[in-house]
Each structure stands twice: as C-alpha cells, then as structure tokens.
C-alpha cells in the first residue's frame, strides 16, 4: 500500500489515527475497511489494489491500538461506541456522507456497531469471517458458545473456540507475549488450521503454547504484519479486555430497538475451513437480523481475503454493483 496515501487525523476525543485514503471516482462509493485482531490496515492490501483500480474510494484505518494509530492501554477507551465514533470523525473530515463498511473477524464487531449507531451513514455492510450479531454482554457471548450445539461438520467450524479469551484478558499476558512474540505470532497465523482448534479453543492452551516457546509454520500472506505489531501487546489486547469487562453493556442498552436490525444490504462471506469463527452461528444471526442478506462460502480458512483474494474481491464487487 502506497505510504504517500496515508493520512493522520486527531479525532474529537484526542486520539491520532493513521489511515489510508483514496478518493472515489465520480459515481463510485467509498469503502471503509476494519481489520481484525493482530492486523493493521495492511491486511486489506489485496482489496485496496483491486477496488482502487476500479475507482472506489477507500478509507482503511489502523484501528485503535495498532500500527501508527495511538495505543492507549485503558480498556475503557476501546468502547465500541467510541471506536466507531472515531471512524465517523475520519469520514466527516474527508466529507464522506455515505459509505459501505467492510470488516473481517474482530473488525466485524466494529461493522456491526456502526450499523447500530450510525446506520444512516452507510448504504451497505459486509462481514467477512464473522456474521452480524447484535451487541450482547461478554458473559452471555461466552456462555452461548460454550453451551452451543451449532458445530457444523460441513463447516469445519468449532463454535466454542473461546479458550484463548481467559489468557488474552490476563494482566500478565502482554509481558509473556512480548517476551515470546514469535511463538504467539506463529500460532495466530499458523498454516495448520488444526493448531487453532487445540491451542486457541481450549482454556489454558494458548498460554501453555507461548510459555513453551513453540513455533508453527505460518501462512505465506503476512510478511509485514509482524514488524508492525511487536512491542505493543498491552494495547493490542485491550479490545478483549474491554469486552470481558463489559464496557459496552450500558451503551448497548441505549441502542434503539429498530437499529438492532440492519436495514441496509448485508454481505456475509466465510471460509468453510475456518477453525475459529462461528460461521454456523453467524449465518443464523445474520438471517434473523439482516432482511437483505447475501451469504457466500469460500473454500478457505480464517483469512479468506488473503487465501481467496481474487474470488473474494470479485464476489464483493458483484454485491457492491447491486447496491
């Protein structure tokens, strides 16, 4: 991604955001991208190249806590209402009235909250890896998936992959991750999908993996992510801590009931071999709350926008052309 196209903005609450910006050609919408955990704006490099060449406008931020954006370590600064407000500040600064928002995995949580808090600013929402879920308390989220019978053999999905949460929210986790970052990084980006099932799903397994300094062969798509993320573990884990602390619960209760339904067209794409994200639950929840829904399955694991970049890009383009 062209470094000269990155901009910097201090939002109304005082945090500096770094974001990639490309203005749209006449008549083309602006796409706003939200990356996942342990990613930066660079995660969308294949989508940026594809859609920029076709005249789409692009706003691709490093989200709070990563890349060149500010990195507060107070979990309460990571409230979803505040994070989506930061992105709206960027859109306001760039004079973008309407846009389409696209997210992957954890970034889909941000897309969903944008649909709840600022529905009138968007003409469509795309979820990759994780479907639309209305806001809920973290305790309810964990209980739902620990007790869930939504595992689908055809999906290759394990919907109870929440064991890593207890480690990510531990106050000692950042120190261990920074001490043995190569081990942690190799697990998150492991080429062998089965490693996630055993080492991210089971309580205690993630910490045990890192303490043992195990290393896995990583997928071939992440050459620049590592250098952008190391040394920032406390801020990196704040979204998990914020969710575990329930910092969004009170705000979520104030969302108007009609905005819990997503009235705009919604795209949900998922990898059938994803060992972490709950595709089965995502299909059900999206169908319940998104009346104008398009669902597509891709023959990939978790990182579908890399593994099947051409197919994902073409499918998204077809959906966008129908808006």
C-alpha atoms as a PDB file:
ATOM      1  CA  UNK A   1       0.000   0.000   0.000  1.00  0.00           C
ATOM      2  CA  UNK A   2       1.352   3.379  -1.074  1.00  0.00           C
ATOM      3  CA  UNK A   3       2.746   5.145   2.045  1.00  0.00           C
ATOM      4  CA  UNK A   4       2.107   8.527   0.415  1.00  0.00           C
ATOM      5  CA  UNK A   5      -1.651   7.877   0.570  1.00  0.00           C
ATOM      6  CA  UNK A   6      -1.711   7.563   4.359  1.00  0.00           C
ATOM      7  CA  UNK A   7      -3.152  10.439   6.350  1.00  0.00           C
ATOM      8  CA  UNK A   8      -3.294  11.313  10.028  1.00  0.00           C
ATOM      9  CA  UNK A   9      -6.183  12.778  11.998  1.00  0.00           C
ATOM     10  CA  UNK A  10      -6.753  13.580  15.663  1.00  0.00           C
ATOM     11  CA  UNK A  11     -10.326  12.580  16.497  1.00  0.00           C
ATOM     12  CA  UNK A  12     -12.656  14.598  18.699  1.00  0.00           C
ATOM     13  CA  UNK A  13     -11.604  12.573  21.761  1.00  0.00           C
ATOM     14  CA  UNK A  14      -7.929  13.288  21.138  1.00  0.00           C
ATOM     15  CA  UNK A  15      -6.533  10.098  19.595  1.00  0.00           C
ATOM     16  CA  UNK A  16      -4.427  10.245  16.469  1.00  0.00           C
ATOM     17  CA  UNK A  17      -5.485   7.798  13.763  1.00  0.00           C
ATOM     18  CA  UNK A  18      -3.420   6.746  10.775  1.00  0.00           C
ATOM     19  CA  UNK A  19      -5.456   5.737   7.736  1.00  0.00           C
ATOM     20  CA  UNK A  20      -5.076   5.040   4.047  1.00  0.00           C
ATOM     21  CA  UNK A  21      -7.240   7.282   1.888  1.00  0.00           C
ATOM     22  CA  UNK A  22      -8.074   7.296  -1.794  1.00  0.00           C
ATOM     23  CA  UNK A  23     -10.850   9.496  -3.174  1.00  0.00           C
ATOM     24  CA  UNK A  24     -13.566   7.851  -5.282  1.00  0.00           C
ATOM     25  CA  UNK A  25     -14.102   8.338  -8.978  1.00  0.00           C
ATOM     26  CA  UNK A  26     -17.355  10.058  -9.893  1.00  0.00           C
ATOM     27  CA  UNK A  27     -20.339   7.901  -9.048  1.00  0.00           C
ATOM     28  CA  UNK A  28     -18.406   5.295  -7.070  1.00  0.00           C
ATOM     29  CA  UNK A  29     -18.981   4.741  -3.331  1.00  0.00           C
ATOM     30  CA  UNK A  30     -16.367   4.859  -0.597  1.00  0.00           C
ATOM     31  CA  UNK A  31     -15.392   1.583   1.106  1.00  0.00           C
ATOM     32  CA  UNK A  32     -14.383   1.694   4.766  1.00  0.00           C
ATOM     33  CA  UNK A  33     -12.384  -1.319   5.977  1.00  0.00           C
ATOM     34  CA  UNK A  34     -11.989  -2.595   9.568  1.00  0.00           C
ATOM     35  CA  UNK A  35      -9.229  -5.146  10.118  1.00  0.00           C
ATOM     36  CA  UNK A  36      -9.094  -7.971  12.622  1.00  0.00           C
ATOM     37  CA  UNK A  37      -7.037  -8.736  15.727  1.00  0.00           C
ATOM     38  CA  UNK A  38      -3.247  -8.777  15.247  1.00  0.00           C
ATOM     39  CA  UNK A  39      -3.671  -6.991  11.919  1.00  0.00           C
ATOM     40  CA  UNK A  40      -3.258  -3.445  10.638  1.00  0.00           C
ATOM     41  CA  UNK A  41      -4.618  -1.608   7.614  1.00  0.00           C
ATOM     42  CA  UNK A  42      -2.074  -3.618   5.606  1.00  0.00           C
ATOM     43  CA  UNK A  43      -4.399  -6.620   5.995  1.00  0.00           C
ATOM     44  CA  UNK A  44      -6.554  -5.121   3.218  1.00  0.00           C
ATOM     45  CA  UNK A  45      -3.736  -4.650   0.681  1.00  0.00           C
ATOM     46  CA  UNK A  46      -5.279  -7.006  -1.886  1.00  0.00           C
ATOM     47  CA  UNK A  47      -8.685  -5.370  -1.614  1.00  0.00           C
ATOM     48  CA  UNK A  48      -7.176  -1.868  -1.767  1.00  0.00           C
ATOM     49  CA  UNK A  49      -5.349  -2.632  -5.017  1.00  0.00           C
ATOM     50  CA  UNK A  50      -8.421  -4.251  -6.574  1.00  0.00           C
ATOM     51  CA  UNK A  51     -11.020  -1.624  -5.671  1.00  0.00           C
ATOM     52  CA  UNK A  52      -8.769   1.411  -6.135  1.00  0.00           C
ATOM     53  CA  UNK A  53      -8.126   0.326  -9.724  1.00  0.00           C
ATOM     54  CA  UNK A  54     -11.895   0.333 -10.251  1.00  0.00           C
ATOM     55  CA  UNK A  55     -12.445   3.834  -8.913  1.00  0.00           C
ATOM     56  CA  UNK A  56     -13.829   3.041  -5.473  1.00  0.00           C
ATOM     57  CA  UNK A  57     -12.986   5.405  -2.657  1.00  0.00           C
ATOM     58  CA  UNK A  58     -11.078   3.871   0.246  1.00  0.00           C
ATOM     59  CA  UNK A  59     -10.734   4.618   3.945  1.00  0.00           C
ATOM     60  CA  UNK A  60      -8.563   1.995   5.637  1.00  0.00           C
ATOM     61  CA  UNK A  61      -7.523   2.875   9.199  1.00  0.00           C
ATOM     62  CA  UNK A  62      -5.079   1.294  11.558  1.00  0.00           C
ATOM     63  CA  UNK A  63      -7.595   0.716  14.318  1.00  0.00           C
ATOM     64  CA  UNK A  64      -7.034   1.959  17.857  1.00  0.00           C
ATOM     65  CA  UNK A  65      -4.093   0.212  19.498  1.00  0.00           C
ATOM     66  CA  UNK A  66      -2.166  -0.916  16.411  1.00  0.00           C
ATOM     67  CA  UNK A  67       0.035   0.311  13.583  1.00  0.00           C
ATOM     68  CA  UNK A  68       0.636   4.057  13.560  1.00  0.00           C
ATOM     69  CA  UNK A  69      -2.601   4.889  15.366  1.00  0.00           C
ATOM     70  CA  UNK A  70      -2.450   5.828  19.058  1.00  0.00           C
ATOM     71  CA  UNK A  71      -2.219   2.966  21.538  1.00  0.00           C
ATOM     72  CA  UNK A  72      -3.996   3.736  24.821  1.00  0.00           C
ATOM     73  CA  UNK A  73      -3.846   0.974  27.432  1.00  0.00           C
ATOM     74  CA  UNK A  74      -7.104   1.806  29.215  1.00  0.00           C
ATOM     75  CA  UNK A  75      -9.707  -0.766  28.082  1.00  0.00           C
ATOM     76  CA  UNK A  76     -12.499   1.770  28.563  1.00  0.00           C
ATOM     77  CA  UNK A  77     -11.082   3.774  25.640  1.00  0.00           C
ATOM     78  CA  UNK A  78     -11.935   0.807  23.419  1.00  0.00           C
ATOM     79  CA  UNK A  79     -15.692   1.066  23.830  1.00  0.00           C
ATOM     80  CA  UNK A  80     -17.309   0.206  20.529  1.00  0.00           C
ATOM     81  CA  UNK A  81     -19.385   3.394  20.599  1.00  0.00           C
ATOM     82  CA  UNK A  82     -16.205   5.453  20.866  1.00  0.00           C
ATOM     83  CA  UNK A  83     -14.255   3.480  18.270  1.00  0.00           C
ATOM     84  CA  UNK A  84     -16.996   3.812  15.655  1.00  0.00           C
ATOM     85  CA  UNK A  85     -17.250   7.497  16.544  1.00  0.00           C
ATOM     86  CA  UNK A  86     -13.528   7.808  15.743  1.00  0.00           C
ATOM     87  CA  UNK A  87     -14.146   6.346  12.293  1.00  0.00           C
ATOM     88  CA  UNK A  88     -17.079   8.688  11.752  1.00  0.00           C
ATOM     89  CA  UNK A  89     -14.712  11.558  12.621  1.00  0.00           C
ATOM     90  CA  UNK A  90     -12.465  10.414   9.770  1.00  0.00           C
ATOM     91  CA  UNK A  91     -15.413  10.240   7.369  1.00  0.00           C
ATOM     92  CA  UNK A  92     -16.567  13.705   8.446  1.00  0.00           C
ATOM     93  CA  UNK A  93     -13.096  15.127   7.923  1.00  0.00           C
ATOM     94  CA  UNK A  94     -12.975  13.623   4.432  1.00  0.00           C
ATOM     95  CA  UNK A  95     -16.530  14.899   3.747  1.00  0.00           C
ATOM     96  CA  UNK A  96     -17.883  11.405   3.133  1.00  0.00           C
ATOM     97  CA  UNK A  97     -21.622  11.361   3.726  1.00  0.00           C
ATOM     98  CA  UNK A  98     -22.415   7.767   2.725  1.00  0.00           C
ATOM     99  CA  UNK A  99     -20.179   4.705   2.526  1.00  0.00           C
ATOM    100  CA  UNK A 100     -20.026   0.916   2.600  1.00  0.00           C
ATOM    101  CA  UNK A 101     -18.247  -0.719   5.533  1.00  0.00           C
ATOM    102  CA  UNK A 102     -16.333  -3.996   5.321  1.00  0.00           C
ATOM    103  CA  UNK A 103     -14.858  -5.911   8.247  1.00  0.00           C
ATOM    104  CA  UNK A 104     -13.007  -9.141   8.926  1.00  0.00           C
ATOM    105  CA  UNK A 105     -13.357 -11.256  12.085  1.00  0.00           C
ATOM    106  CA  UNK A 106     -12.942  -8.891  15.066  1.00  0.00           C
ATOM    107  CA  UNK A 107     -13.427  -5.993  12.668  1.00  0.00           C
ATOM    108  CA  UNK A 108     -16.941  -7.319  12.032  1.00  0.00           C
ATOM    109  CA  UNK A 109     -17.817  -6.326  15.584  1.00  0.00           C
ATOM    110  CA  UNK A 110     -16.957  -2.742  14.626  1.00  0.00           C
ATOM    111  CA  UNK A 111     -19.011  -3.026  11.428  1.00  0.00           C
ATOM    112  CA  UNK A 112     -21.970  -4.306  13.417  1.00  0.00           C
ATOM    113  CA  UNK A 113     -21.797  -1.476  15.908  1.00  0.00           C
ATOM    114  CA  UNK A 114     -21.515   1.035  13.087  1.00  0.00           C
ATOM    115  CA  UNK A 115     -24.771  -0.400  11.737  1.00  0.00           C
ATOM    116  CA  UNK A 116     -26.337   0.119  15.186  1.00  0.00           C
ATOM    117  CA  UNK A 117     -25.034   3.598  15.994  1.00  0.00           C
ATOM    118  CA  UNK A 118     -24.722   5.244  12.566  1.00  0.00           C
ATOM    119  CA  UNK A 119     -26.995   3.335  10.166  1.00  0.00           C
ATOM    120  CA  UNK A 120     -27.849   6.409   8.094  1.00  0.00           C
ATOM    121  CA  UNK A 121     -24.203   6.935   7.121  1.00  0.00           C
ATOM    122  CA  UNK A 122     -23.957   3.662   5.187  1.00  0.00           C
ATOM    123  CA  UNK A 123     -25.571   2.060   2.163  1.00  0.00           C
ATOM    124  CA  UNK A 124     -24.319  -1.444   2.928  1.00  0.00           C
ATOM    125  CA  UNK A 125     -22.292  -3.604   5.301  1.00  0.00           C
ATOM    126  CA  UNK A 126     -20.014  -6.554   4.522  1.00  0.00           C
ATOM    127  CA  UNK A 127     -18.921  -9.099   7.120  1.00  0.00           C
ATOM    128  CA  UNK A 128     -16.048 -11.485   6.376  1.00  0.00           C
ATOM    129  CA  UNK A 129     -15.478 -14.455   8.660  1.00  0.00           C
ATOM    130  CA  UNK A 130     -17.974 -13.429  11.347  1.00  0.00           C
ATOM    131  CA  UNK A 131     -21.611 -12.566  10.711  1.00  0.00           C
ATOM    132  CA  UNK A 132     -23.724  -9.829  12.227  1.00  0.00           C
ATOM    133  CA  UNK A 133     -24.536 -10.210  15.914  1.00  0.00           C
ATOM    134  CA  UNK A 134     -26.487  -7.640  17.927  1.00  0.00           C
ATOM    135  CA  UNK A 135     -24.491  -6.287  20.881  1.00  0.00           C
ATOM    136  CA  UNK A 136     -24.534  -8.516  23.932  1.00  0.00           C
ATOM    137  CA  UNK A 137     -22.713  -8.805  27.209  1.00  0.00           C
ATOM    138  CA  UNK A 138     -19.422 -10.663  27.105  1.00  0.00           C
ATOM    139  CA  UNK A 139     -20.587 -13.182  29.701  1.00  0.00           C
ATOM    140  CA  UNK A 140     -23.562 -14.025  27.511  1.00  0.00           C
ATOM    141  CA  UNK A 141     -21.281 -14.397  24.488  1.00  0.00           C
ATOM    142  CA  UNK A 142     -19.024 -16.907  26.222  1.00  0.00           C
ATOM    143  CA  UNK A 143     -21.934 -18.824  27.716  1.00  0.00           C
ATOM    144  CA  UNK A 144     -23.677 -19.021  24.341  1.00  0.00           C
ATOM    145  CA  UNK A 145     -20.721 -20.624  22.586  1.00  0.00           C
ATOM    146  CA  UNK A 146     -19.648 -22.895  25.442  1.00  0.00           C
ATOM    147  CA  UNK A 147     -23.155 -24.342  25.527  1.00  0.00           C
ATOM    148  CA  UNK A 148     -23.757 -24.114  21.793  1.00  0.00           C
ATOM    149  CA  UNK A 149     -24.754 -27.072  19.634  1.00  0.00           C
ATOM    150  CA  UNK A 150     -24.077 -25.060  16.474  1.00  0.00           C
ATOM    151  CA  UNK A 151     -20.946 -27.004  15.496  1.00  0.00           C
ATOM    152  CA  UNK A 152     -21.328 -27.921  11.856  1.00  0.00           C
ATOM    153  CA  UNK A 153     -19.218 -30.727  10.440  1.00  0.00           C
ATOM    154  CA  UNK A 154     -19.699 -29.387   6.941  1.00  0.00           C
ATOM    155  CA  UNK A 155     -18.240 -26.040   8.038  1.00  0.00           C
ATOM    156  CA  UNK A 156     -15.238 -27.480   9.833  1.00  0.00           C
ATOM    157  CA  UNK A 157     -16.074 -24.871  12.467  1.00  0.00           C
ATOM    158  CA  UNK A 158     -15.818 -25.185  16.226  1.00  0.00           C
ATOM    159  CA  UNK A 159     -18.149 -22.565  17.622  1.00  0.00           C
ATOM    160  CA  UNK A 160     -16.763 -22.865  21.178  1.00  0.00           C
ATOM    161  CA  UNK A 161     -13.286 -21.535  20.292  1.00  0.00           C
ATOM    162  CA  UNK A 162     -13.163 -19.058  23.167  1.00  0.00           C
ATOM    163  CA  UNK A 163     -10.499 -20.669  25.362  1.00  0.00           C
ATOM    164  CA  UNK A 164      -7.907 -18.048  24.426  1.00  0.00           C
ATOM    165  CA  UNK A 165     -10.044 -15.272  25.912  1.00  0.00           C
ATOM    166  CA  UNK A 166      -9.077 -16.062  29.501  1.00  0.00           C
ATOM    167  CA  UNK A 167      -5.419 -15.670  28.569  1.00  0.00           C
ATOM    168  CA  UNK A 168      -5.880 -12.539  26.454  1.00  0.00           C
ATOM    169  CA  UNK A 169      -7.622 -10.795  29.360  1.00  0.00           C
ATOM    170  CA  UNK A 170      -4.995 -11.803  31.941  1.00  0.00           C
ATOM    171  CA  UNK A 171      -2.887  -8.863  33.154  1.00  0.00           C
ATOM    172  CA  UNK A 172       0.298 -10.898  32.709  1.00  0.00           C
ATOM    173  CA  UNK A 173      -0.452 -11.832  29.093  1.00  0.00           C
ATOM    174  CA  UNK A 174       1.182  -8.761  27.473  1.00  0.00           C
ATOM    175  CA  UNK A 175       4.517  -9.442  29.166  1.00  0.00           C
ATOM    176  CA  UNK A 176       4.551 -13.069  28.083  1.00  0.00           C
ATOM    177  CA  UNK A 177       3.506 -12.228  24.534  1.00  0.00           C
ATOM    178  CA  UNK A 178       6.213  -9.596  24.147  1.00  0.00           C
ATOM    179  CA  UNK A 179       8.821 -11.927  25.635  1.00  0.00           C
ATOM    180  CA  UNK A 180       7.939 -14.704  23.195  1.00  0.00           C
ATOM    181  CA  UNK A 181       6.231 -12.802  20.411  1.00  0.00           C
ATOM    182  CA  UNK A 182       7.474 -15.127  17.664  1.00  0.00           C
ATOM    183  CA  UNK A 183       5.677 -18.036  19.311  1.00  0.00           C
ATOM    184  CA  UNK A 184       2.428 -16.097  19.736  1.00  0.00           C
ATOM    185  CA  UNK A 185       2.545 -14.682  16.218  1.00  0.00           C
ATOM    186  CA  UNK A 186       3.187 -18.108  14.669  1.00  0.00           C
ATOM    187  CA  UNK A 187       0.153 -19.578  16.438  1.00  0.00           C
ATOM    188  CA  UNK A 188      -2.244 -16.818  15.365  1.00  0.00           C
ATOM    189  CA  UNK A 189      -1.024 -17.085  11.773  1.00  0.00           C
ATOM    190  CA  UNK A 190      -0.428 -20.845  11.748  1.00  0.00           C
ATOM    191  CA  UNK A 191      -0.626 -22.606   8.410  1.00  0.00           C
ATOM    192  CA  UNK A 192      -2.004 -25.752  10.053  1.00  0.00           C
ATOM    193  CA  UNK A 193      -5.645 -24.979  10.877  1.00  0.00           C
ATOM    194  CA  UNK A 194      -5.826 -27.781  13.440  1.00  0.00           C
ATOM    195  CA  UNK A 195      -3.391 -25.932  15.708  1.00  0.00           C
ATOM    196  CA  UNK A 196      -6.095 -23.353  16.386  1.00  0.00           C
ATOM    197  CA  UNK A 197      -8.580 -25.990  17.492  1.00  0.00           C
ATOM    198  CA  UNK A 198      -6.183 -27.352  20.092  1.00  0.00           C
ATOM    199  CA  UNK A 199      -4.289 -24.216  21.106  1.00  0.00           C
ATOM    200  CA  UNK A 200      -6.767 -21.358  20.856  1.00  0.00           C
ATOM    201  CA  UNK A 201     -10.001 -23.175  21.679  1.00  0.00           C
ATOM    202  CA  UNK A 202      -9.000 -24.953  24.888  1.00  0.00           C
ATOM    203  CA  UNK A 203      -8.641 -22.970  28.138  1.00  0.00           C
ATOM    204  CA  UNK A 204      -5.003 -22.635  29.129  1.00  0.00           C
ATOM    205  CA  UNK A 205      -3.685 -23.958  25.830  1.00  0.00           C
ATOM    206  CA  UNK A 206      -2.656 -20.592  24.347  1.00  0.00           C
ATOM    207  CA  UNK A 207      -0.630 -19.653  27.403  1.00  0.00           C
ATOM    208  CA  UNK A 208       0.972 -23.108  27.501  1.00  0.00           C
ATOM    209  CA  UNK A 209       1.952 -22.834  23.825  1.00  0.00           C
ATOM    210  CA  UNK A 210       3.665 -19.468  24.344  1.00  0.00           C
ATOM    211  CA  UNK A 211       5.355 -20.447  27.612  1.00  0.00           C
ATOM    212  CA  UNK A 212       6.840 -23.472  25.856  1.00  0.00           C
ATOM    213  CA  UNK A 213       8.020 -21.116  23.076  1.00  0.00           C
ATOM    214  CA  UNK A 214       6.519 -23.369  20.428  1.00  0.00           C
ATOM    215  CA  UNK A 215       6.575 -22.154  16.859  1.00  0.00           C
ATOM    216  CA  UNK A 216       4.394 -23.111  13.903  1.00  0.00           C
ATOM    217  CA  UNK A 217       4.834 -22.682  10.195  1.00  0.00           C
ATOM    218  CA  UNK A 218       2.950 -19.512   9.303  1.00  0.00           C
ATOM    219  CA  UNK A 219       0.780 -18.800   6.297  1.00  0.00           C
ATOM    220  CA  UNK A 220       2.537 -17.033   3.455  1.00  0.00           C
ATOM    221  CA  UNK A 221       0.448 -13.866   3.454  1.00  0.00           C
ATOM    222  CA  UNK A 222       1.761 -11.939   6.469  1.00  0.00           C
ATOM    223  CA  UNK A 223       5.290 -10.637   5.775  1.00  0.00           C
ATOM    224  CA  UNK A 224       4.673  -7.098   7.063  1.00  0.00           C
ATOM    225  CA  UNK A 225       2.239  -7.670   9.915  1.00  0.00           C
ATOM    226  CA  UNK A 226       4.835  -8.857  12.417  1.00  0.00           C
ATOM    227  CA  UNK A 227       7.092  -5.813  12.300  1.00  0.00           C
ATOM    228  CA  UNK A 228       4.084  -3.519  12.733  1.00  0.00           C
ATOM    229  CA  UNK A 229       2.744  -5.235  15.843  1.00  0.00           C
ATOM    230  CA  UNK A 230       5.598  -6.386  18.081  1.00  0.00           C
ATOM    231  CA  UNK A 231       6.153  -4.437  21.307  1.00  0.00           C
ATOM    232  CA  UNK A 232       2.549  -3.312  21.615  1.00  0.00           C
ATOM    233  CA  UNK A 233       0.851  -6.201  23.374  1.00  0.00           C
ATOM    234  CA  UNK A 234      -0.887  -4.331  26.193  1.00  0.00           C
ATOM    235  CA  UNK A 235      -2.778  -2.067  23.799  1.00  0.00           C
ATOM    236  CA  UNK A 236      -3.217  -4.939  21.349  1.00  0.00           C
ATOM    237  CA  UNK A 237      -5.251  -6.928  23.877  1.00  0.00           C
ATOM    238  CA  UNK A 238      -7.417  -4.036  25.056  1.00  0.00           C
ATOM    239  CA  UNK A 239     -10.355  -4.895  22.787  1.00  0.00           C
ATOM    240  CA  UNK A 240     -10.544  -8.304  24.512  1.00  0.00           C
ATOM    241  CA  UNK A 241     -10.253  -6.767  27.961  1.00  0.00           C
ATOM    242  CA  UNK A 242     -12.912  -4.205  27.104  1.00  0.00           C
ATOM    243  CA  UNK A 243     -15.302  -6.952  26.032  1.00  0.00           C
ATOM    244  CA  UNK A 244     -14.568  -9.048  29.122  1.00  0.00           C
ATOM    245  CA  UNK A 245     -15.126  -6.052  31.398  1.00  0.00           C
ATOM    246  CA  UNK A 246     -18.459  -5.336  29.736  1.00  0.00           C
ATOM    247  CA  UNK A 247     -17.544  -1.739  28.917  1.00  0.00           C
ATOM    248  CA  UNK A 248     -20.087  -1.723  26.081  1.00  0.00           C
ATOM    249  CA  UNK A 249     -23.038  -3.094  28.016  1.00  0.00           C
ATOM    250  CA  UNK A 250     -24.585   0.186  29.136  1.00  0.00           C
ATOM    251  CA  UNK A 251     -24.127   1.800  25.721  1.00  0.00           C
ATOM    252  CA  UNK A 252     -25.659  -1.228  24.028  1.00  0.00           C
ATOM    253  CA  UNK A 253     -28.820  -0.870  26.098  1.00  0.00           C
ATOM    254  CA  UNK A 254     -29.308   2.630  24.717  1.00  0.00           C
ATOM    255  CA  UNK A 255     -29.406   1.492  21.077  1.00  0.00           C
ATOM    256  CA  UNK A 256     -32.857   1.916  19.614  1.00  0.00           C
ATOM    257  CA  UNK A 257     -34.554  -1.420  19.037  1.00  0.00           C
ATOM    258  CA  UNK A 258     -35.104  -0.706  15.351  1.00  0.00           C
ATOM    259  CA  UNK A 259     -31.358  -0.217  14.895  1.00  0.00           C
ATOM    260  CA  UNK A 260     -30.613  -3.723  16.127  1.00  0.00           C
ATOM    261  CA  UNK A 261     -31.976  -4.836  12.764  1.00  0.00           C
ATOM    262  CA  UNK A 262     -29.754  -3.949   9.809  1.00  0.00           C
ATOM    263  CA  UNK A 263     -31.978  -2.484   7.109  1.00  0.00           C
ATOM    264  CA  UNK A 264     -29.223  -1.942   4.536  1.00  0.00           C
ATOM    265  CA  UNK A 265     -27.996  -4.767   2.279  1.00  0.00           C
ATOM    266  CA  UNK A 266     -25.599  -7.072   4.113  1.00  0.00           C
ATOM    267  CA  UNK A 267     -22.941  -9.391   2.720  1.00  0.00           C
ATOM    268  CA  UNK A 268     -21.651 -12.295   4.839  1.00  0.00           C
ATOM    269  CA  UNK A 269     -18.741 -14.308   3.471  1.00  0.00           C
ATOM    270  CA  UNK A 270     -16.958 -17.034   5.398  1.00  0.00           C
ATOM    271  CA  UNK A 271     -14.311 -19.715   4.959  1.00  0.00           C
ATOM    272  CA  UNK A 272     -15.700 -23.233   5.200  1.00  0.00           C
ATOM    273  CA  UNK A 273     -12.490 -24.442   6.867  1.00  0.00           C
ATOM    274  CA  UNK A 274     -12.293 -21.649   9.426  1.00  0.00           C
ATOM    275  CA  UNK A 275     -11.406 -23.230  12.775  1.00  0.00           C
ATOM    276  CA  UNK A 276     -12.128 -20.170  14.881  1.00  0.00           C
ATOM    277  CA  UNK A 277     -15.012 -18.017  13.699  1.00  0.00           C
ATOM    278  CA  UNK A 278     -18.568 -19.286  14.291  1.00  0.00           C
ATOM    279  CA  UNK A 279     -19.853 -19.447  10.721  1.00  0.00           C
ATOM    280  CA  UNK A 280     -22.933 -21.507  11.581  1.00  0.00           C
ATOM    281  CA  UNK A 281     -23.990 -19.089  14.301  1.00  0.00           C
ATOM    282  CA  UNK A 282     -23.135 -16.175  12.018  1.00  0.00           C
ATOM    283  CA  UNK A 283     -25.449 -17.448   9.297  1.00  0.00           C
ATOM    284  CA  UNK A 284     -28.314 -17.855  11.729  1.00  0.00           C
ATOM    285  CA  UNK A 285     -27.874 -14.491  13.450  1.00  0.00           C
ATOM    286  CA  UNK A 286     -27.401 -12.618  10.178  1.00  0.00           C
ATOM    287  CA  UNK A 287     -30.514 -14.211   8.704  1.00  0.00           C
ATOM    288  CA  UNK A 288     -32.514 -13.211  11.774  1.00  0.00           C
ATOM    289  CA  UNK A 289     -31.403  -9.581  11.816  1.00  0.00           C
ATOM    290  CA  UNK A 290     -30.499  -8.678   8.233  1.00  0.00           C
ATOM    291  CA  UNK A 291     -33.500  -8.925   5.884  1.00  0.00           C
ATOM    292  CA  UNK A 292     -31.459  -8.027   2.768  1.00  0.00           C
ATOM    293  CA  UNK A 293     -28.754 -10.650   3.142  1.00  0.00           C
ATOM    294  CA  UNK A 294     -26.270 -12.245   0.753  1.00  0.00           C
ATOM    295  CA  UNK A 295     -24.260 -15.235   2.032  1.00  0.00           C
ATOM    296  CA  UNK A 296     -21.244 -16.728   0.271  1.00  0.00           C
ATOM    297  CA  UNK A 297     -18.997 -19.606   1.298  1.00  0.00           C
ATOM    298  CA  UNK A 298     -15.332 -19.697   0.269  1.00  0.00           C
ATOM    299  CA  UNK A 299     -13.000 -22.680   0.227  1.00  0.00           C
ATOM    300  CA  UNK A 300     -10.602 -21.122   2.729  1.00  0.00           C
ATOM    301  CA  UNK A 301      -9.664 -20.953   6.356  1.00  0.00           C
ATOM    302  CA  UNK A 302      -9.922 -17.857   8.535  1.00  0.00           C
ATOM    303  CA  UNK A 303      -8.014 -15.431   6.288  1.00  0.00           C
ATOM    304  CA  UNK A 304     -10.361 -15.566   3.304  1.00  0.00           C
ATOM    305  CA  UNK A 305      -9.471 -12.089   1.995  1.00  0.00           C
ATOM    306  CA  UNK A 306      -5.889 -13.351   1.527  1.00  0.00           C
ATOM    307  CA  UNK A 307      -6.367 -17.027   0.743  1.00  0.00           C
ATOM    308  CA  UNK A 308      -9.020 -16.432  -1.922  1.00  0.00           C
ATOM    309  CA  UNK A 309      -8.356 -12.776  -2.627  1.00  0.00           C
ATOM    310  CA  UNK A 310      -9.426 -12.853  -6.276  1.00  0.00           C
ATOM    311  CA  UNK A 311     -12.662 -14.701  -5.596  1.00  0.00           C
ATOM    312  CA  UNK A 312     -13.486 -12.591  -2.554  1.00  0.00           C
ATOM    313  CA  UNK A 313     -12.793  -9.381  -4.454  1.00  0.00           C
ATOM    314  CA  UNK A 314     -14.913 -10.381  -7.436  1.00  0.00           C
ATOM    315  CA  UNK A 315     -17.765 -11.533  -5.217  1.00  0.00           C
ATOM    316  CA  UNK A 316     -17.694  -8.320  -3.202  1.00  0.00           C
ATOM    317  CA  UNK A 317     -17.614  -6.300  -6.425  1.00  0.00           C
ATOM    318  CA  UNK A 318     -20.680  -8.097  -7.750  1.00  0.00           C
ATOM    319  CA  UNK A 319     -22.503  -7.421  -4.491  1.00  0.00           C
ATOM    320  CA  UNK A 320     -21.443  -3.744  -4.495  1.00  0.00           C
ATOM    321  CA  UNK A 321     -22.663  -3.295  -8.058  1.00  0.00           C
ATOM    322  CA  UNK A 322     -26.108  -4.387  -6.916  1.00  0.00           C
ATOM    323  CA  UNK A 323     -26.445  -1.780  -4.179  1.00  0.00           C
END
